[in-house]
C-alpha atoms as a PDB file:
ATOM      1  CA  MET A   1      37.230 -10.191  11.752  1.00  0.00           C
ATOM      2  CA  SER A   2      40.783  -9.216  12.615  1.00  0.00           C
ATOM      3  CA  PRO A   3      42.710  -6.729  10.402  1.00  0.00           C
ATOM      4  CA  ALA A   4      45.016  -9.536   9.259  1.00  0.00           C
ATOM      5  CA  GLU A   5      42.199 -11.877   8.294  1.00  0.00           C
ATOM      6  CA  PRO A   6      41.368 -11.850   4.551  1.00  0.00           C
ATOM      7  CA  ILE A   7      37.893 -10.615   3.719  1.00  0.00           C
ATOM      8  CA  VAL A   8      37.342 -13.695   1.544  1.00  0.00           C
ATOM      9  CA  ASP A   9      39.806 -16.606   1.532  1.00  0.00           C
ATOM     10  CA  LEU A  10      39.880 -18.051  -2.010  1.00  0.00           C
ATOM     11  CA  ASP A  11      41.153 -21.427  -0.845  1.00  0.00           C
ATOM     12  CA  ARG A  12      38.254 -21.815   1.579  1.00  0.00           C
ATOM     13  CA  LEU A  13      35.766 -20.555  -1.002  1.00  0.00           C
ATOM     14  CA  ASN A  14      37.017 -23.054  -3.595  1.00  0.00           C
ATOM     15  CA  ARG A  15      36.527 -25.911  -1.125  1.00  0.00           C
ATOM     16  CA  TRP A  16      32.858 -24.960  -0.734  1.00  0.00           C
ATOM     17  CA  PRO A  17      30.625 -27.729  -2.222  1.00  0.00           C
ATOM     18  CA  GLY A  18      28.088 -25.135  -3.373  1.00  0.00           C
ATOM     19  CA  LEU A  19      30.529 -23.864  -5.978  1.00  0.00           C
ATOM     20  CA  ALA A  20      29.680 -26.810  -8.221  1.00  0.00           C
ATOM     21  CA  GLY A  21      26.095 -25.583  -8.632  1.00  0.00           C
ATOM     22  CA  LEU A  22      27.010 -22.080  -9.803  1.00  0.00           C
ATOM     23  CA  PRO A  23      27.307 -20.868 -13.408  1.00  0.00           C
ATOM     24  CA  GLY A  24      30.755 -21.306 -14.912  1.00  0.00           C
ATOM     25  CA  ASP A  25      33.437 -23.893 -14.479  1.00  0.00           C
ATOM     26  CA  GLY A  26      36.653 -24.287 -12.528  1.00  0.00           C
ATOM     27  CA  PRO A  27      37.880 -22.602  -9.369  1.00  0.00           C
ATOM     28  CA  VAL A  28      37.368 -18.981  -8.459  1.00  0.00           C
ATOM     29  CA  GLU A  29      40.535 -17.256  -9.641  1.00  0.00           C
ATOM     30  CA  SER A  30      39.903 -13.692  -8.481  1.00  0.00           C
ATOM     31  CA  LEU A  31      37.662 -11.469  -6.386  1.00  0.00           C
ATOM     32  CA  THR A  32      37.651  -7.817  -7.462  1.00  0.00           C
ATOM     33  CA  PRO A  33      36.026  -5.320  -5.058  1.00  0.00           C
ATOM     34  CA  LEU A  34      33.016  -3.398  -6.335  1.00  0.00           C
ATOM     35  CA  LYS A  35      31.734  -0.086  -5.029  1.00  0.00           C
ATOM     36  CA  GLY A  36      29.438  -0.496  -2.073  1.00  0.00           C
ATOM     37  CA  GLY A  37      28.531   0.824   1.352  1.00  0.00           C
ATOM     38  CA  ALA A  38      29.808   0.076   4.821  1.00  0.00           C
ATOM     39  CA  GLN A  39      27.224  -2.577   5.633  1.00  0.00           C
ATOM     40  CA  ASN A  40      28.117  -5.143   2.962  1.00  0.00           C
ATOM     41  CA  LEU A  41      31.022  -5.801   0.623  1.00  0.00           C
ATOM     42  CA  LEU A  42      30.654  -6.766  -3.041  1.00  0.00           C
ATOM     43  CA  PHE A  43      33.131  -8.544  -5.299  1.00  0.00           C
ATOM     44  CA  THR A  44      33.204  -9.619  -8.927  1.00  0.00           C
ATOM     45  CA  MET A  45      33.871 -13.334  -8.633  1.00  0.00           C
ATOM     46  CA  ARG A  46      35.677 -14.636 -11.712  1.00  0.00           C
ATOM     47  CA  ARG A  47      35.915 -18.369 -12.360  1.00  0.00           C
ATOM     48  CA  ALA A  48      38.568 -20.176 -14.416  1.00  0.00           C
ATOM     49  CA  ASP A  49      36.393 -20.260 -17.567  1.00  0.00           C
ATOM     50  CA  GLY A  50      35.779 -16.487 -17.402  1.00  0.00           C
ATOM     51  CA  ALA A  51      32.282 -16.621 -15.900  1.00  0.00           C
ATOM     52  CA  GLU A  52      31.664 -13.594 -13.668  1.00  0.00           C
ATOM     53  CA  LEU A  53      29.287 -13.529 -10.710  1.00  0.00           C
ATOM     54  CA  VAL A  54      28.894 -11.244  -7.695  1.00  0.00           C
ATOM     55  CA  LEU A  55      29.779 -12.352  -4.167  1.00  0.00           C
ATOM     56  CA  ARG A  56      28.259 -10.361  -1.323  1.00  0.00           C
ATOM     57  CA  ARG A  57      29.299 -10.610   2.312  1.00  0.00           C
ATOM     58  CA  PRO A  58      28.982  -8.462   5.465  1.00  0.00           C
ATOM     59  CA  GLY A  59      31.389  -5.588   5.844  1.00  0.00           C
ATOM     60  CA  ARG A  60      33.505  -4.609   8.793  1.00  0.00           C
ATOM     61  CA  TYR A  61      30.708  -2.410  10.159  1.00  0.00           C
ATOM     62  CA  SER A  62      27.809  -4.767   9.548  1.00  0.00           C
ATOM     63  CA  ALA A  63      24.902  -5.425  11.862  1.00  0.00           C
ATOM     64  CA  GLU A  64      25.245  -7.605  14.957  1.00  0.00           C
ATOM     65  CA  SER A  65      23.520 -10.598  13.265  1.00  0.00           C
ATOM     66  CA  PRO A  66      24.194 -10.318   9.518  1.00  0.00           C
ATOM     67  CA  ALA A  67      22.940 -13.843   8.790  1.00  0.00           C
ATOM     68  CA  SER A  68      19.336 -12.729   9.338  1.00  0.00           C
ATOM     69  CA  SER A  69      19.600  -9.959   6.740  1.00  0.00           C
ATOM     70  CA  PHE A  70      21.159 -12.361   4.218  1.00  0.00           C
ATOM     71  CA  GLU A  71      18.404 -14.865   4.902  1.00  0.00           C
ATOM     72  CA  ARG A  72      15.768 -12.173   4.332  1.00  0.00           C
ATOM     73  CA  GLU A  73      17.334 -10.994   1.092  1.00  0.00           C
ATOM     74  CA  SER A  74      17.650 -14.548  -0.185  1.00  0.00           C
ATOM     75  CA  ARG A  75      14.005 -15.250   0.544  1.00  0.00           C
ATOM     76  CA  VAL A  76      12.853 -12.105  -1.249  1.00  0.00           C
ATOM     77  CA  LEU A  77      15.063 -12.603  -4.330  1.00  0.00           C
ATOM     78  CA  THR A  78      13.907 -16.212  -4.630  1.00  0.00           C
ATOM     79  CA  ALA A  79      10.296 -15.081  -4.444  1.00  0.00           C
ATOM     80  CA  LEU A  80      10.773 -12.347  -7.061  1.00  0.00           C
ATOM     81  CA  ALA A  81      12.123 -14.773  -9.662  1.00  0.00           C
ATOM     82  CA  GLY A  82       9.670 -14.804 -12.569  1.00  0.00           C
ATOM     83  CA  THR A  83       8.171 -11.389 -11.774  1.00  0.00           C
ATOM     84  CA  ASP A  84       8.741  -8.288 -13.896  1.00  0.00           C
ATOM     85  CA  VAL A  85      10.586  -6.541 -11.058  1.00  0.00           C
ATOM     86  CA  PRO A  86      14.200  -5.859 -12.191  1.00  0.00           C
ATOM     87  CA  HIS A  87      16.529  -7.653  -9.779  1.00  0.00           C
ATOM     88  CA  PRO A  88      19.650  -9.824  -9.827  1.00  0.00           C
ATOM     89  CA  ARG A  89      19.152 -13.574  -9.926  1.00  0.00           C
ATOM     90  CA  LEU A  90      20.192 -15.308  -6.715  1.00  0.00           C
ATOM     91  CA  TYR A  91      22.375 -18.346  -7.424  1.00  0.00           C
ATOM     92  CA  ALA A  92      23.261 -19.331  -3.879  1.00  0.00           C
ATOM     93  CA  SER A  93      23.054 -18.177  -0.300  1.00  0.00           C
ATOM     94  CA  CYS A  94      25.264 -19.563   2.469  1.00  0.00           C
ATOM     95  CA  LEU A  95      24.481 -18.679   6.078  1.00  0.00           C
ATOM     96  CA  ASP A  96      27.230 -20.959   7.419  1.00  0.00           C
ATOM     97  CA  ASP A  97      30.069 -18.826   8.793  1.00  0.00           C
ATOM     98  CA  SER A  98      32.519 -21.713   8.528  1.00  0.00           C
ATOM     99  CA  VAL A  99      32.861 -21.445   4.734  1.00  0.00           C
ATOM    100  CA  ILE A 100      34.491 -18.004   4.460  1.00  0.00           C
ATOM    101  CA  GLY A 101      34.061 -16.713   8.003  1.00  0.00           C
ATOM    102  CA  ALA A 102      30.769 -14.917   7.361  1.00  0.00           C
ATOM    103  CA  PRO A 103      27.439 -15.498   5.613  1.00  0.00           C
ATOM    104  CA  PHE A 104      27.482 -14.700   1.910  1.00  0.00           C
ATOM    105  CA  SER A 105      25.452 -14.873  -1.265  1.00  0.00           C
ATOM    106  CA  VAL A 106      26.316 -15.314  -4.926  1.00  0.00           C
ATOM    107  CA  LEU A 107      24.309 -13.273  -7.403  1.00  0.00           C
ATOM    108  CA  GLU A 108      24.003 -12.556 -11.087  1.00  0.00           C
ATOM    109  CA  LYS A 109      26.319  -9.779 -12.236  1.00  0.00           C
ATOM    110  CA  ILE A 110      24.119  -7.056 -13.698  1.00  0.00           C
ATOM    111  CA  ASN A 111      25.403  -5.221 -16.758  1.00  0.00           C
ATOM    112  CA  GLY A 112      24.900  -1.692 -15.520  1.00  0.00           C
ATOM    113  CA  PHE A 113      26.191   1.050 -13.245  1.00  0.00           C
ATOM    114  CA  MET A 114      25.213   2.772 -10.027  1.00  0.00           C
ATOM    115  CA  PRO A 115      23.928   6.286 -10.897  1.00  0.00           C
ATOM    116  CA  ARG A 116      26.001   8.344  -8.475  1.00  0.00           C
ATOM    117  CA  GLY A 117      28.569  10.976  -9.320  1.00  0.00           C
ATOM    118  CA  ASP A 118      29.221  11.857 -12.956  1.00  0.00           C
ATOM    119  CA  LEU A 119      26.875   9.989 -15.283  1.00  0.00           C
ATOM    120  CA  PRO A 120      28.420   8.105 -18.229  1.00  0.00           C
ATOM    121  CA  GLY A 121      27.613   8.067 -21.951  1.00  0.00           C
ATOM    122  CA  ARG A 122      24.319   9.465 -23.192  1.00  0.00           C
ATOM    123  CA  TYR A 123      23.069   9.917 -19.640  1.00  0.00           C
ATOM    124  CA  ALA A 124      25.569  12.755 -19.400  1.00  0.00           C
ATOM    125  CA  THR A 125      24.737  14.375 -22.738  1.00  0.00           C
ATOM    126  CA  ASP A 126      21.058  13.596 -23.408  1.00  0.00           C
ATOM    127  CA  ALA A 127      18.478  14.995 -20.992  1.00  0.00           C
ATOM    128  CA  SER A 128      15.803  12.728 -22.493  1.00  0.00           C
ATOM    129  CA  TRP A 129      17.753   9.711 -21.204  1.00  0.00           C
ATOM    130  CA  ARG A 130      17.889  11.153 -17.697  1.00  0.00           C
ATOM    131  CA  ARG A 131      14.173  11.836 -17.737  1.00  0.00           C
ATOM    132  CA  ALA A 132      13.283   8.452 -19.213  1.00  0.00           C
ATOM    133  CA  VAL A 133      15.279   6.470 -16.673  1.00  0.00           C
ATOM    134  CA  SER A 134      13.782   8.534 -13.839  1.00  0.00           C
ATOM    135  CA  PHE A 135      10.302   7.509 -14.905  1.00  0.00           C
ATOM    136  CA  ASP A 136      11.495   3.912 -15.305  1.00  0.00           C
ATOM    137  CA  LEU A 137      12.830   3.955 -11.750  1.00  0.00           C
ATOM    138  CA  VAL A 138       9.370   4.929 -10.544  1.00  0.00           C
ATOM    139  CA  ALA A 139       7.830   2.303 -12.842  1.00  0.00           C
ATOM    140  CA  SER A 140      10.120  -0.313 -11.286  1.00  0.00           C
ATOM    141  CA  ALA A 141       8.869   0.678  -7.840  1.00  0.00           C
ATOM    142  CA  ALA A 142       5.312   0.478  -9.139  1.00  0.00           C
ATOM    143  CA  ARG A 143       5.905  -3.037 -10.482  1.00  0.00           C
ATOM    144  CA  LEU A 144       7.242  -4.135  -7.113  1.00  0.00           C
ATOM    145  CA  GLY A 145       4.327  -2.526  -5.324  1.00  0.00           C
ATOM    146  CA  SER A 146       1.873  -4.360  -7.566  1.00  0.00           C
ATOM    147  CA  VAL A 147       3.231  -7.816  -6.702  1.00  0.00           C
ATOM    148  CA  ASP A 148       0.904  -9.853  -4.490  1.00  0.00           C
ATOM    149  CA  PRO A 149       2.992 -11.082  -1.526  1.00  0.00           C
ATOM    150  CA  ASP A 150       0.740 -14.116  -1.071  1.00  0.00           C
ATOM    151  CA  ALA A 151       1.163 -15.132  -4.717  1.00  0.00           C
ATOM    152  CA  ILE A 152       4.971 -15.290  -4.387  1.00  0.00           C
ATOM    153  CA  ARG A 153       4.978 -16.886  -0.931  1.00  0.00           C
ATOM    154  CA  LEU A 154       6.116 -13.861   1.028  1.00  0.00           C
ATOM    155  CA  THR A 155       3.241 -14.016   3.502  1.00  0.00           C
ATOM    156  CA  GLY A 156       4.720 -13.605   6.948  1.00  0.00           C
ATOM    157  CA  LEU A 157       7.847 -11.787   5.773  1.00  0.00           C
ATOM    158  CA  SER A 158       7.044  -9.145   8.374  1.00  0.00           C
ATOM    159  CA  ARG A 159       4.199  -8.021  10.581  1.00  0.00           C
ATOM    160  CA  THR A 160       1.467  -6.118   8.761  1.00  0.00           C
ATOM    161  CA  GLU A 161      -1.250  -5.474  11.368  1.00  0.00           C
ATOM    162  CA  GLY A 162      -1.418  -1.816  12.282  1.00  0.00           C
ATOM    163  CA  TRP A 163       1.431  -1.007   9.912  1.00  0.00           C
ATOM    164  CA  THR A 164       0.625   2.719   9.748  1.00  0.00           C
ATOM    165  CA  GLN A 165       0.223   3.140  13.490  1.00  0.00           C
ATOM    166  CA  ARG A 166       3.444   1.276  14.313  1.00  0.00           C
ATOM    167  CA  GLN A 167       5.815   3.277  12.120  1.00  0.00           C
ATOM    168  CA  THR A 168       6.381   6.413  14.175  1.00  0.00           C
ATOM    169  CA  PRO A 169       6.667   4.794  17.635  1.00  0.00           C
ATOM    170  CA  ARG A 170       9.176   2.267  16.283  1.00  0.00           C
ATOM    171  CA  TYR A 171      11.578   4.892  14.998  1.00  0.00           C
ATOM    172  CA  LEU A 172      11.026   7.188  17.950  1.00  0.00           C
ATOM    173  CA  ARG A 173      12.207   4.348  20.201  1.00  0.00           C
ATOM    174  CA  MET A 174      15.229   3.897  17.967  1.00  0.00           C
ATOM    175  CA  LEU A 175      16.112   7.592  18.129  1.00  0.00           C
ATOM    176  CA  GLU A 176      15.569   7.719  21.875  1.00  0.00           C
ATOM    177  CA  GLY A 177      17.953   4.796  22.300  1.00  0.00           C
ATOM    178  CA  TYR A 178      20.795   6.758  20.711  1.00  0.00           C
ATOM    179  CA  ARG A 179      20.581   9.256  23.575  1.00  0.00           C
ATOM    180  CA  GLU A 180      22.495   6.905  25.833  1.00  0.00           C
ATOM    181  CA  ASN A 181      25.584   8.396  24.202  1.00  0.00           C
ATOM    182  CA  ALA A 182      26.237  11.858  25.647  1.00  0.00           C
ATOM    183  CA  GLU A 183      27.928  13.113  22.487  1.00  0.00           C
ATOM    184  CA  TYR A 184      24.894  12.091  20.440  1.00  0.00           C
ATOM    185  CA  ARG A 185      22.576  13.922  22.851  1.00  0.00           C
ATOM    186  CA  GLU A 186      24.548  17.118  22.270  1.00  0.00           C
ATOM    187  CA  ASN A 187      24.165  16.852  18.497  1.00  0.00           C
ATOM    188  CA  GLU A 188      20.751  15.267  17.977  1.00  0.00           C
ATOM    189  CA  ALA A 189      18.248  16.839  15.607  1.00  0.00           C
ATOM    190  CA  PRO A 190      15.816  19.296  17.202  1.00  0.00           C
ATOM    191  CA  ALA A 191      13.091  18.332  14.692  1.00  0.00           C
ATOM    192  CA  VAL A 192      12.482  14.802  15.991  1.00  0.00           C
ATOM    193  CA  ALA A 193       9.550  15.645  18.270  1.00  0.00           C
ATOM    194  CA  ARG A 194       7.833  17.879  15.723  1.00  0.00           C
ATOM    195  CA  VAL A 195       8.097  15.396  12.865  1.00  0.00           C
ATOM    196  CA  GLY A 196       7.029  12.466  15.044  1.00  0.00           C
ATOM    197  CA  GLU A 197       4.014  14.342  16.393  1.00  0.00           C
ATOM    198  CA  TRP A 198       2.883  15.380  12.908  1.00  0.00           C
ATOM    199  CA  LEU A 199       3.103  11.806  11.618  1.00  0.00           C
ATOM    200  CA  GLN A 200       1.028  10.484  14.496  1.00  0.00           C
ATOM    201  CA  LYS A 201      -1.652  13.142  14.045  1.00  0.00           C
ATOM    202  CA  ASN A 202      -1.984  12.901  10.244  1.00  0.00           C
ATOM    203  CA  PRO A 203      -2.005   9.206   9.204  1.00  0.00           C
ATOM    204  CA  PRO A 204      -3.615   8.184   5.907  1.00  0.00           C
ATOM    205  CA  PRO A 205      -7.098   6.670   6.327  1.00  0.00           C
ATOM    206  CA  THR A 206      -6.166   3.499   4.445  1.00  0.00           C
ATOM    207  CA  THR A 207      -3.051   1.615   3.423  1.00  0.00           C
ATOM    208  CA  HIS A 208      -2.259  -1.052   0.858  1.00  0.00           C
ATOM    209  CA  ILE A 209       0.028  -3.885   1.935  1.00  0.00           C
ATOM    210  CA  GLY A 210       2.599  -5.060  -0.582  1.00  0.00           C
ATOM    211  CA  VAL A 211       6.314  -5.785  -0.878  1.00  0.00           C
ATOM    212  CA  VAL A 212       8.510  -2.832   0.114  1.00  0.00           C
ATOM    213  CA  HIS A 213      12.191  -2.718  -0.785  1.00  0.00           C
ATOM    214  CA  GLY A 214      12.878  -0.441   2.158  1.00  0.00           C
ATOM    215  CA  ASP A 215      15.977   1.352   0.857  1.00  0.00           C
ATOM    216  CA  LEU A 216      15.158   2.285  -2.721  1.00  0.00           C
ATOM    217  CA  GLN A 217      17.766   4.914  -3.564  1.00  0.00           C
ATOM    218  CA  PHE A 218      20.429   5.567  -6.194  1.00  0.00           C
ATOM    219  CA  ALA A 219      23.004   3.511  -4.266  1.00  0.00           C
ATOM    220  CA  ASN A 220      20.786   0.428  -4.618  1.00  0.00           C
ATOM    221  CA  VAL A 221      19.878   0.745  -8.301  1.00  0.00           C
ATOM    222  CA  MET A 222      21.737  -0.191 -11.469  1.00  0.00           C
ATOM    223  CA  TYR A 223      21.053   1.693 -14.719  1.00  0.00           C
ATOM    224  CA  ALA A 224      21.618   0.004 -18.081  1.00  0.00           C
ATOM    225  CA  HIS A 225      24.401   1.300 -20.320  1.00  0.00           C
ATOM    226  CA  ASP A 226      22.624   0.710 -23.626  1.00  0.00           C
ATOM    227  CA  ALA A 227      19.218   2.281 -22.957  1.00  0.00           C
ATOM    228  CA  PRO A 228      17.596   4.617 -20.399  1.00  0.00           C
ATOM    229  CA  ARG A 229      16.159   1.915 -18.155  1.00  0.00           C
ATOM    230  CA  VAL A 230      16.677   0.301 -14.773  1.00  0.00           C
ATOM    231  CA  ALA A 231      18.802  -2.825 -15.181  1.00  0.00           C
ATOM    232  CA  GLY A 232      18.255  -4.006 -11.624  1.00  0.00           C
ATOM    233  CA  ILE A 233      17.374  -3.115  -8.053  1.00  0.00           C
ATOM    234  CA  VAL A 234      19.894  -4.507  -5.566  1.00  0.00           C
ATOM    235  CA  ASP A 235      20.399  -4.830  -1.799  1.00  0.00           C
ATOM    236  CA  TRP A 236      17.122  -6.357  -0.581  1.00  0.00           C
ATOM    237  CA  GLU A 237      18.069  -6.952   3.043  1.00  0.00           C
ATOM    238  CA  MET A 238      15.600  -4.332   4.324  1.00  0.00           C
ATOM    239  CA  ALA A 239      12.660  -5.700   2.322  1.00  0.00           C
ATOM    240  CA  SER A 240       9.421  -6.135   4.237  1.00  0.00           C
ATOM    241  CA  LEU A 241       5.658  -6.011   3.870  1.00  0.00           C
ATOM    242  CA  GLY A 242       4.123  -2.566   4.122  1.00  0.00           C
ATOM    243  CA  ASP A 243       2.639   0.187   1.999  1.00  0.00           C
ATOM    244  CA  PRO A 244       4.623   0.437  -1.283  1.00  0.00           C
ATOM    245  CA  LEU A 245       4.074   4.201  -1.386  1.00  0.00           C
ATOM    246  CA  LEU A 246       6.945   4.292   1.081  1.00  0.00           C
ATOM    247  CA  ASP A 247       9.346   3.133  -1.662  1.00  0.00           C
ATOM    248  CA  LEU A 248       8.225   5.965  -3.927  1.00  0.00           C
ATOM    249  CA  ALA A 249       8.666   8.455  -1.091  1.00  0.00           C
ATOM    250  CA  TRP A 250      12.121   7.006  -0.345  1.00  0.00           C
ATOM    251  CA  ILE A 251      13.191   7.574  -3.954  1.00  0.00           C
ATOM    252  CA  LEU A 252      12.066  11.170  -3.713  1.00  0.00           C
ATOM    253  CA  THR A 253      14.179  11.912  -0.620  1.00  0.00           C
ATOM    254  CA  ALA A 254      17.122  11.672  -3.037  1.00  0.00           C
ATOM    255  CA  TRP A 255      15.488  14.061  -5.536  1.00  0.00           C
ATOM    256  CA  ARG A 256      16.466  17.700  -5.662  1.00  0.00           C
ATOM    257  CA  GLU A 257      14.420  20.624  -6.907  1.00  0.00           C
ATOM    258  CA  GLU A 258      13.903  24.320  -6.413  1.00  0.00           C
ATOM    259  CA  GLY A 259      12.610  25.154  -2.957  1.00  0.00           C
ATOM    260  CA  ASP A 260      14.446  22.356  -1.157  1.00  0.00           C
ATOM    261  CA  PRO A 261      16.480  23.279   1.937  1.00  0.00           C
ATOM    262  CA  PRO A 262      20.016  24.386   1.081  1.00  0.00           C
ATOM    263  CA  GLY A 263      23.042  22.273   1.763  1.00  0.00           C
ATOM    264  CA  SER A 264      22.606  19.066  -0.238  1.00  0.00           C
ATOM    265  CA  ALA A 265      23.631  18.764  -3.879  1.00  0.00           C
ATOM    266  CA  PRO A 266      22.209  16.142  -6.277  1.00  0.00           C
ATOM    267  CA  GLN A 267      23.855  12.755  -5.900  1.00  0.00           C
ATOM    268  CA  MET A 268      24.547  12.556  -9.622  1.00  0.00           C
ATOM    269  CA  GLN A 269      25.477  14.993 -12.373  1.00  0.00           C
ATOM    270  CA  PRO A 270      24.198  16.457 -14.577  1.00  0.00           C
ATOM    271  CA  TRP A 271      20.842  17.001 -12.893  1.00  0.00           C
ATOM    272  CA  GLU A 272      19.394  19.491 -15.380  1.00  0.00           C
ATOM    273  CA  ASP A 273      15.966  18.781 -16.906  1.00  0.00           C
ATOM    274  CA  MET A 274      15.117  16.015 -14.450  1.00  0.00           C
ATOM    275  CA  PRO A 275      11.400  15.470 -13.800  1.00  0.00           C
ATOM    276  CA  THR A 276       9.896  17.031 -10.698  1.00  0.00           C
ATOM    277  CA  ARG A 277       8.695  15.050  -7.721  1.00  0.00           C
ATOM    278  CA  ALA A 278       5.122  15.939  -8.681  1.00  0.00           C
ATOM    279  CA  GLU A 279       5.606  14.456 -12.159  1.00  0.00           C
ATOM    280  CA  LEU A 280       6.981  11.233 -10.685  1.00  0.00           C
ATOM    281  CA  VAL A 281       4.150  10.908  -8.166  1.00  0.00           C
ATOM    282  CA  ALA A 282       1.613  11.417 -10.964  1.00  0.00           C
ATOM    283  CA  HIS A 283       3.402   8.776 -13.053  1.00  0.00           C
ATOM    284  CA  TYR A 284       3.231   6.273 -10.192  1.00  0.00           C
ATOM    285  CA  ALA A 285      -0.451   7.016  -9.626  1.00  0.00           C
ATOM    286  CA  GLY A 286      -1.179   6.528 -13.325  1.00  0.00           C
ATOM    287  CA  LEU A 287       0.601   3.161 -13.387  1.00  0.00           C
ATOM    288  CA  THR A 288      -0.922   1.784 -10.201  1.00  0.00           C
ATOM    289  CA  GLY A 289      -4.243   3.555  -9.790  1.00  0.00           C
ATOM    290  CA  ARG A 290      -3.254   4.449  -6.221  1.00  0.00           C
ATOM    291  CA  ASP A 291      -4.855   7.418  -4.505  1.00  0.00           C
ATOM    292  CA  VAL A 292      -1.947   9.732  -3.703  1.00  0.00           C
ATOM    293  CA  SER A 293      -3.962  12.319  -1.764  1.00  0.00           C
ATOM    294  CA  TYR A 294      -2.122  11.399   1.417  1.00  0.00           C
ATOM    295  CA  PHE A 295       1.280  11.045  -0.177  1.00  0.00           C
ATOM    296  CA  PRO A 296       2.781  13.927   1.886  1.00  0.00           C
ATOM    297  CA  TRP A 297       2.479  11.655   4.946  1.00  0.00           C
ATOM    298  CA  PHE A 298       4.590   9.026   3.206  1.00  0.00           C
ATOM    299  CA  GLN A 299       7.129  11.665   2.192  1.00  0.00           C
ATOM    300  CA  VAL A 300       7.552  12.775   5.797  1.00  0.00           C
ATOM    301  CA  LEU A 301       7.610   9.151   7.008  1.00  0.00           C
ATOM    302  CA  ALA A 302      10.376   8.321   4.516  1.00  0.00           C
ATOM    303  CA  CYS A 303      12.432  11.230   5.868  1.00  0.00           C
ATOM    304  CA  PHE A 304      11.746  10.167   9.448  1.00  0.00           C
ATOM    305  CA  ARG A 305      12.797   6.557   8.859  1.00  0.00           C
ATOM    306  CA  LEU A 306      15.821   7.429   6.733  1.00  0.00           C
ATOM    307  CA  ALA A 307      17.068  10.029   9.208  1.00  0.00           C
ATOM    308  CA  ALA A 308      16.654   7.541  12.066  1.00  0.00           C
ATOM    309  CA  LEU A 309      18.766   4.968  10.201  1.00  0.00           C
ATOM    310  CA  LEU A 310      21.430   7.542   9.319  1.00  0.00           C
ATOM    311  CA  GLU A 311      21.541   8.653  12.936  1.00  0.00           C
ATOM    312  CA  GLY A 312      22.003   4.994  13.883  1.00  0.00           C
ATOM    313  CA  SER A 313      25.189   4.901  11.826  1.00  0.00           C
ATOM    314  CA  TYR A 314      26.384   8.058  13.571  1.00  0.00           C
ATOM    315  CA  PHE A 315      25.585   6.461  16.939  1.00  0.00           C
ATOM    316  CA  ARG A 316      27.654   3.391  16.032  1.00  0.00           C
ATOM    317  CA  ALA A 317      30.510   5.628  14.920  1.00  0.00           C
ATOM    318  CA  LEU A 318      30.449   7.479  18.236  1.00  0.00           C
ATOM    319  CA  ASN A 319      30.675   4.107  19.981  1.00  0.00           C
ATOM    320  CA  GLY A 320      33.627   2.975  17.870  1.00  0.00           C
ATOM    321  CA  ARG A 321      31.647   0.469  15.788  1.00  0.00           C
ATOM    322  CA  MET A 322      31.881   2.372  12.504  1.00  0.00           C
ATOM    323  CA  ASP A 323      34.337   4.696  10.811  1.00  0.00           C
ATOM    324  CA  ARG A 324      34.028   8.039  12.605  1.00  0.00           C
ATOM    325  CA  ARG A 325      34.371  10.185   9.501  1.00  0.00           C
ATOM    326  CA  MET A 326      31.736   8.185   7.639  1.00  0.00           C
ATOM    327  CA  GLY A 327      29.375   8.392  10.602  1.00  0.00           C
ATOM    328  CA  GLU A 328      29.735  12.151  10.829  1.00  0.00           C
ATOM    329  CA  GLY A 329      29.018  12.494   7.118  1.00  0.00           C
ATOM    330  CA  LEU A 330      25.826  10.467   7.472  1.00  0.00           C
ATOM    331  CA  HIS A 331      24.829  12.540  10.497  1.00  0.00           C
ATOM    332  CA  SER A 332      25.235  15.690   8.420  1.00  0.00           C
ATOM    333  CA  TYR A 333      23.037  14.230   5.683  1.00  0.00           C
ATOM    334  CA  ALA A 334      20.455  13.259   8.307  1.00  0.00           C
ATOM    335  CA  GLY A 335      20.326  16.919   9.299  1.00  0.00           C
ATOM    336  CA  TRP A 336      19.360  17.833   5.748  1.00  0.00           C
ATOM    337  CA  ILE A 337      16.717  15.093   5.700  1.00  0.00           C
ATOM    338  CA  TRP A 338      15.184  16.475   8.902  1.00  0.00           C
ATOM    339  CA  SER A 339      15.025  19.897   7.226  1.00  0.00           C
ATOM    340  CA  LEU A 340      13.305  18.374   4.198  1.00  0.00           C
ATOM    341  CA  ALA A 341      10.732  16.710   6.462  1.00  0.00           C
ATOM    342  CA  THR A 342       9.870  19.964   8.179  1.00  0.00           C
ATOM    343  CA  ARG A 343       9.643  21.726   4.815  1.00  0.00           C
ATOM    344  CA  TRP A 344       7.101  19.120   3.630  1.00  0.00           C
ATOM    345  CA  ILE A 345       5.144  19.471   6.877  1.00  0.00           C
ATOM    346  CA  ASP A 346       4.930  23.220   6.318  1.00  0.00           C
ATOM    347  CA  GLN A 347       3.642  22.640   2.788  1.00  0.00           C
ATOM    348  CA  ALA A 348       1.104  19.927   3.692  1.00  0.00           C
END
């Protein structure tokens, strides 16, 4: 995509035959950017009759083959329709680059907000709302983890044999690949070997295979304005089959509490009176009946995977395939995640 090329050409979009099957009537009159990350771009898509939808397309720094991630997300969202997992309804998915120059999807517009930065309304003034929505976030993960993949036709979404044993080697290979860049080698985390070795020596004796969101964090959740609840979980392109305890552990990498390594503030404010990680793990166990004796392994694995992905963004930035400043910021956050992993290893 050249700098002069529009991100979405309205004329081309309005010639798309699929528009006729979407909610609303008339042409698309405007596309208003929504907050999002570097990988994908979101727009409020407003039609002539006032109907508002969300259009999602790859960003300037997207993966090499974005169509595959859109195809995966579309499959998962279609399968989740009718379940009690909060998610946006998928209205259409177009993998044909010729329509707007990239694959895209059209989704329900959720009435909510991303809980990052200063919280609005009663979330800012009422600690009971912050606590309640925290437990509902964990409950949402529990509902997803309780879905039977076979029952919603997600069998084969990803490989499941030897899931536990494959995790560490996969991300070690990813991290080792970044070393081809000399600047990365000079700044890579010293904790990689220690964390990887601990994970390989301390796997849980059993795992439960279910649907895993894969990136369940504040940036991919919408909170409702009118009540302390999760309005929807978004961005399903990393969904796979695996042990759902990983989603719970991923949520808790974004938690902050006394004893954490210094250098990383809460992603939203105010943070006072939030439940502890232990309270949230107990809540999940109570909802699902899962044995959480080996949960520390999942906590360290979540850090390992997240740090590897963050380092991948830094690697792309060093190679000119992502904004340099953004990549360096993610690399700095990865450093904190490595510190959190080693802290949890010390406490295990």
